[in-house]
Amino acid sequence: MSGFRFRAQAALDVRRRQLVTAQRDLARAEHVRDAARQGVVDADAAVARARRAASEQLGAPRSSTALEWYRFWILRLDHERAAAAALLSARDRDVTAAAAACLRAKQRCESLERLREKARRAHARAEADVERKTIDELAARRFSAWRAEEGRVRW
């Protein structure tokens, strides 16, 4: 019997490439999300530093314009932090979408791989059946030859 050949191998190869692409996209989205998360952490640190600097300046004699400057500076940093948080939220949604696409690609690839394994097992069973039939036929011929020889040699 001939070797095993999976008829849908081309489709399986395409699905594998789609899975690799989806995994790459997911990794890229996670990397971008991690950068956005670091942006939020940096913005939080900047706001905390600005608040500390402003509180230190409250104890020292300063003009009201300096205090207003600190207040607006902190307000700007709060807005930047909010923008960074919104960006992080958008990147989280991107990661969720990429993970879902990766899962779908994996499921599609696995379904074809299961089909290939099922076909491989059926092929192996068919080969084993052919081999068994050949062995049985050889044994039957040998037995027939032995019986024929037994008949001729009678004592």
C-alpha atoms as a PDB file:
ATOM      1  CA  MET A   1       0.000   0.000   0.000  1.00  0.00           C
ATOM      2  CA  SER A   2       1.164   3.536  -0.632  1.00  0.00           C
ATOM      3  CA  GLY A   3       2.326   5.991   2.000  1.00  0.00           C
ATOM      4  CA  PHE A   4      -0.100   8.232   3.819  1.00  0.00           C
ATOM      5  CA  ARG A   5      -1.032  11.465   2.067  1.00  0.00           C
ATOM      6  CA  PHE A   6      -3.370  13.973   3.704  1.00  0.00           C
ATOM      7  CA  ARG A   7      -5.529  15.522   1.018  1.00  0.00           C
ATOM      8  CA  ALA A   8      -6.168  18.733   2.950  1.00  0.00           C
ATOM      9  CA  GLN A   9      -2.483  19.342   3.730  1.00  0.00           C
ATOM     10  CA  ALA A  10      -2.495  22.636   1.813  1.00  0.00           C
ATOM     11  CA  ALA A  11      -5.401  23.887   3.920  1.00  0.00           C
ATOM     12  CA  LEU A  12      -3.616  22.765   7.087  1.00  0.00           C
ATOM     13  CA  ASP A  13      -0.478  24.638   6.014  1.00  0.00           C
ATOM     14  CA  VAL A  14      -2.555  27.791   5.428  1.00  0.00           C
ATOM     15  CA  ARG A  15      -4.192  27.422   8.841  1.00  0.00           C
ATOM     16  CA  ARG A  16      -0.804  26.968  10.497  1.00  0.00           C
ATOM     17  CA  ARG A  17       0.474  30.140   8.850  1.00  0.00           C
ATOM     18  CA  GLN A  18      -2.669  31.959  10.001  1.00  0.00           C
ATOM     19  CA  LEU A  19      -2.055  30.714  13.536  1.00  0.00           C
ATOM     20  CA  VAL A  20       1.557  31.914  13.493  1.00  0.00           C
ATOM     21  CA  THR A  21       0.412  35.299  12.186  1.00  0.00           C
ATOM     22  CA  ALA A  22      -2.272  35.540  14.877  1.00  0.00           C
ATOM     23  CA  GLN A  23       0.287  34.645  17.556  1.00  0.00           C
ATOM     24  CA  ARG A  24       2.639  37.332  16.237  1.00  0.00           C
ATOM     25  CA  ASP A  25      -0.188  39.877  16.233  1.00  0.00           C
ATOM     26  CA  LEU A  26      -1.068  38.937  19.808  1.00  0.00           C
ATOM     27  CA  ALA A  27       2.549  39.291  20.933  1.00  0.00           C
ATOM     28  CA  ARG A  28       2.793  42.662  19.210  1.00  0.00           C
ATOM     29  CA  ALA A  29      -0.465  43.859  20.825  1.00  0.00           C
ATOM     30  CA  GLU A  30       0.754  42.699  24.241  1.00  0.00           C
ATOM     31  CA  HIS A  31       4.028  44.552  23.729  1.00  0.00           C
ATOM     32  CA  VAL A  32       2.192  47.761  22.801  1.00  0.00           C
ATOM     33  CA  ARG A  33      -0.151  47.310  25.778  1.00  0.00           C
ATOM     34  CA  ASP A  34       2.823  46.844  28.122  1.00  0.00           C
ATOM     35  CA  ALA A  35       4.330  50.062  26.784  1.00  0.00           C
ATOM     36  CA  ALA A  36       1.005  51.841  27.397  1.00  0.00           C
ATOM     37  CA  ARG A  37       0.894  50.397  30.920  1.00  0.00           C
ATOM     38  CA  GLN A  38       4.390  51.747  31.525  1.00  0.00           C
ATOM     39  CA  GLY A  39       3.164  55.125  30.280  1.00  0.00           C
ATOM     40  CA  VAL A  40       0.438  55.089  32.944  1.00  0.00           C
ATOM     41  CA  VAL A  41       2.979  54.146  35.631  1.00  0.00           C
ATOM     42  CA  ASP A  42       5.274  56.963  34.489  1.00  0.00           C
ATOM     43  CA  ALA A  43       2.366  59.424  34.468  1.00  0.00           C
ATOM     44  CA  ASP A  44       1.372  58.364  37.992  1.00  0.00           C
ATOM     45  CA  ALA A  45       4.943  58.883  39.157  1.00  0.00           C
ATOM     46  CA  ALA A  46       5.081  62.322  37.516  1.00  0.00           C
ATOM     47  CA  VAL A  47       1.845  63.356  39.221  1.00  0.00           C
ATOM     48  CA  ALA A  48       3.122  62.115  42.580  1.00  0.00           C
ATOM     49  CA  ARG A  49       6.410  64.021  42.148  1.00  0.00           C
ATOM     50  CA  ALA A  50       4.532  67.179  41.168  1.00  0.00           C
ATOM     51  CA  ARG A  51       2.242  66.930  44.191  1.00  0.00           C
ATOM     52  CA  ARG A  52       5.245  66.448  46.491  1.00  0.00           C
ATOM     53  CA  ALA A  53       7.000  69.444  44.937  1.00  0.00           C
ATOM     54  CA  ALA A  54       3.862  71.559  45.307  1.00  0.00           C
ATOM     55  CA  SER A  55       3.379  70.560  48.937  1.00  0.00           C
ATOM     56  CA  GLU A  56       7.022  71.450  49.670  1.00  0.00           C
ATOM     57  CA  GLN A  57       6.446  74.860  48.091  1.00  0.00           C
ATOM     58  CA  LEU A  58       3.354  75.502  50.200  1.00  0.00           C
ATOM     59  CA  GLY A  59       5.517  75.775  53.323  1.00  0.00           C
ATOM     60  CA  ALA A  60       7.907  78.278  51.758  1.00  0.00           C
ATOM     61  CA  PRO A  61       6.938  81.887  51.123  1.00  0.00           C
ATOM     62  CA  ARG A  62       5.960  82.063  47.450  1.00  0.00           C
ATOM     63  CA  SER A  63       3.909  84.308  45.307  1.00  0.00           C
ATOM     64  CA  SER A  64       0.419  83.313  44.305  1.00  0.00           C
ATOM     65  CA  THR A  65       1.533  83.007  40.683  1.00  0.00           C
ATOM     66  CA  ALA A  66       4.038  80.287  41.642  1.00  0.00           C
ATOM     67  CA  LEU A  67       1.297  78.372  43.448  1.00  0.00           C
ATOM     68  CA  GLU A  68      -0.983  78.786  40.433  1.00  0.00           C
ATOM     69  CA  TRP A  69       1.817  77.514  38.226  1.00  0.00           C
ATOM     70  CA  TYR A  70       2.091  74.338  40.360  1.00  0.00           C
ATOM     71  CA  ARG A  71      -1.669  73.875  40.331  1.00  0.00           C
ATOM     72  CA  PHE A  72      -1.848  74.089  36.526  1.00  0.00           C
ATOM     73  CA  TRP A  73       1.223  71.895  36.190  1.00  0.00           C
ATOM     74  CA  ILE A  74      -0.440  69.185  38.292  1.00  0.00           C
ATOM     75  CA  LEU A  75      -3.672  69.631  36.357  1.00  0.00           C
ATOM     76  CA  ARG A  76      -1.800  69.117  33.057  1.00  0.00           C
ATOM     77  CA  LEU A  77      -0.098  66.005  34.436  1.00  0.00           C
ATOM     78  CA  ASP A  78      -3.496  64.678  35.568  1.00  0.00           C
ATOM     79  CA  HIS A  79      -4.806  65.152  32.013  1.00  0.00           C
ATOM     80  CA  GLU A  80      -1.754  63.380  30.596  1.00  0.00           C
ATOM     81  CA  ARG A  81      -2.311  60.528  33.047  1.00  0.00           C
ATOM     82  CA  ALA A  82      -5.977  60.286  31.977  1.00  0.00           C
ATOM     83  CA  ALA A  83      -4.907  60.182  28.322  1.00  0.00           C
ATOM     84  CA  ALA A  84      -2.374  57.451  29.117  1.00  0.00           C
ATOM     85  CA  ALA A  85      -5.079  55.481  30.952  1.00  0.00           C
ATOM     86  CA  ALA A  86      -7.429  55.816  27.970  1.00  0.00           C
ATOM     87  CA  LEU A  87      -4.657  54.605  25.673  1.00  0.00           C
ATOM     88  CA  LEU A  88      -4.045  51.643  27.985  1.00  0.00           C
ATOM     89  CA  SER A  89      -7.736  50.809  27.903  1.00  0.00           C
ATOM     90  CA  ALA A  90      -7.716  50.873  24.085  1.00  0.00           C
ATOM     91  CA  ARG A  91      -4.602  48.660  24.012  1.00  0.00           C
ATOM     92  CA  ASP A  92      -6.314  46.215  26.438  1.00  0.00           C
ATOM     93  CA  ARG A  93      -9.195  45.962  23.961  1.00  0.00           C
ATOM     94  CA  ASP A  94      -6.693  45.348  21.153  1.00  0.00           C
ATOM     95  CA  VAL A  95      -5.074  42.549  23.148  1.00  0.00           C
ATOM     96  CA  THR A  96      -8.483  41.018  23.859  1.00  0.00           C
ATOM     97  CA  ALA A  97      -9.371  41.095  20.162  1.00  0.00           C
ATOM     98  CA  ALA A  98      -5.971  39.655  19.169  1.00  0.00           C
ATOM     99  CA  ALA A  99      -6.302  36.889  21.774  1.00  0.00           C
ATOM    100  CA  ALA A 100      -9.745  35.985  20.446  1.00  0.00           C
ATOM    101  CA  ALA A 101      -8.415  35.904  16.875  1.00  0.00           C
ATOM    102  CA  CYS A 102      -5.501  33.739  18.000  1.00  0.00           C
ATOM    103  CA  LEU A 103      -7.877  31.338  19.752  1.00  0.00           C
ATOM    104  CA  ARG A 104     -10.060  31.056  16.638  1.00  0.00           C
ATOM    105  CA  ALA A 105      -7.001  30.404  14.467  1.00  0.00           C
ATOM    106  CA  LYS A 106      -5.774  27.768  16.914  1.00  0.00           C
ATOM    107  CA  GLN A 107      -9.145  26.022  16.966  1.00  0.00           C
ATOM    108  CA  ARG A 108      -9.329  25.996  13.158  1.00  0.00           C
ATOM    109  CA  CYS A 109      -5.809  24.583  12.925  1.00  0.00           C
ATOM    110  CA  GLU A 110      -6.479  21.960  15.591  1.00  0.00           C
ATOM    111  CA  SER A 111      -9.650  20.811  13.843  1.00  0.00           C
ATOM    112  CA  LEU A 112      -7.690  20.062  10.657  1.00  0.00           C
ATOM    113  CA  GLU A 113      -4.928  18.400  12.677  1.00  0.00           C
ATOM    114  CA  ARG A 114      -7.504  16.131  14.338  1.00  0.00           C
ATOM    115  CA  LEU A 115      -8.899  15.321  10.895  1.00  0.00           C
ATOM    116  CA  ARG A 116      -5.383  14.487   9.670  1.00  0.00           C
ATOM    117  CA  GLU A 117      -4.746  12.212  12.657  1.00  0.00           C
ATOM    118  CA  LYS A 118      -8.070  10.466  12.105  1.00  0.00           C
ATOM    119  CA  ALA A 119      -7.177   9.911   8.432  1.00  0.00           C
ATOM    120  CA  ARG A 120      -3.701   8.675   9.434  1.00  0.00           C
ATOM    121  CA  ARG A 121      -5.207   6.145  11.859  1.00  0.00           C
ATOM    122  CA  ALA A 122      -7.659   4.960   9.178  1.00  0.00           C
ATOM    123  CA  HIS A 123      -4.786   4.588   6.732  1.00  0.00           C
ATOM    124  CA  ALA A 124      -2.763   2.603   9.297  1.00  0.00           C
ATOM    125  CA  ARG A 125      -5.768   0.347   9.979  1.00  0.00           C
ATOM    126  CA  ALA A 126      -6.218  -0.255   6.246  1.00  0.00           C
ATOM    127  CA  GLU A 127      -2.536  -1.130   5.881  1.00  0.00           C
ATOM    128  CA  ALA A 128      -2.764  -3.486   8.851  1.00  0.00           C
ATOM    129  CA  ASP A 129      -5.824  -5.136   7.303  1.00  0.00           C
ATOM    130  CA  VAL A 130      -3.988  -5.670   4.013  1.00  0.00           C
ATOM    131  CA  GLU A 131      -1.007  -7.095   5.884  1.00  0.00           C
ATOM    132  CA  ARG A 132      -3.230  -9.449   7.890  1.00  0.00           C
ATOM    133  CA  LYS A 133      -4.947 -10.643   4.723  1.00  0.00           C
ATOM    134  CA  THR A 134      -1.588 -11.283   3.060  1.00  0.00           C
ATOM    135  CA  ILE A 135      -0.327 -13.220   6.078  1.00  0.00           C
ATOM    136  CA  ASP A 136      -3.563 -15.230   6.226  1.00  0.00           C
ATOM    137  CA  GLU A 137      -3.290 -16.011   2.518  1.00  0.00           C
ATOM    138  CA  LEU A 138       0.323 -17.131   2.891  1.00  0.00           C
ATOM    139  CA  ALA A 139      -0.591 -19.302   5.858  1.00  0.00           C
ATOM    140  CA  ALA A 140      -3.501 -20.858   3.934  1.00  0.00           C
ATOM    141  CA  ARG A 141      -1.226 -21.617   0.962  1.00  0.00           C
ATOM    142  CA  ARG A 142       1.389 -23.104   3.215  1.00  0.00           C
ATOM    143  CA  PHE A 143      -1.185 -25.234   4.942  1.00  0.00           C
ATOM    144  CA  SER A 144      -2.558 -26.376   1.574  1.00  0.00           C
ATOM    145  CA  ALA A 145       0.930 -27.213   0.393  1.00  0.00           C
ATOM    146  CA  TRP A 146       1.619 -29.102   3.611  1.00  0.00           C
ATOM    147  CA  ARG A 147      -1.660 -31.044   3.292  1.00  0.00           C
ATOM    148  CA  ALA A 148      -0.877 -31.893  -0.313  1.00  0.00           C
ATOM    149  CA  GLU A 149       2.555 -33.103   0.676  1.00  0.00           C
ATOM    150  CA  GLU A 150       1.119 -35.079   3.574  1.00  0.00           C
ATOM    151  CA  GLY A 151      -1.192 -36.816   1.150  1.00  0.00           C
ATOM    152  CA  ARG A 152       1.678 -37.900  -1.101  1.00  0.00           C
ATOM    153  CA  VAL A 153       3.984 -39.126   1.611  1.00  0.00           C
ATOM    154  CA  ARG A 154       1.554 -41.432   3.379  1.00  0.00           C
ATOM    155  CA  TRP A 155       3.346 -44.248   5.176  1.00  0.00           C
END
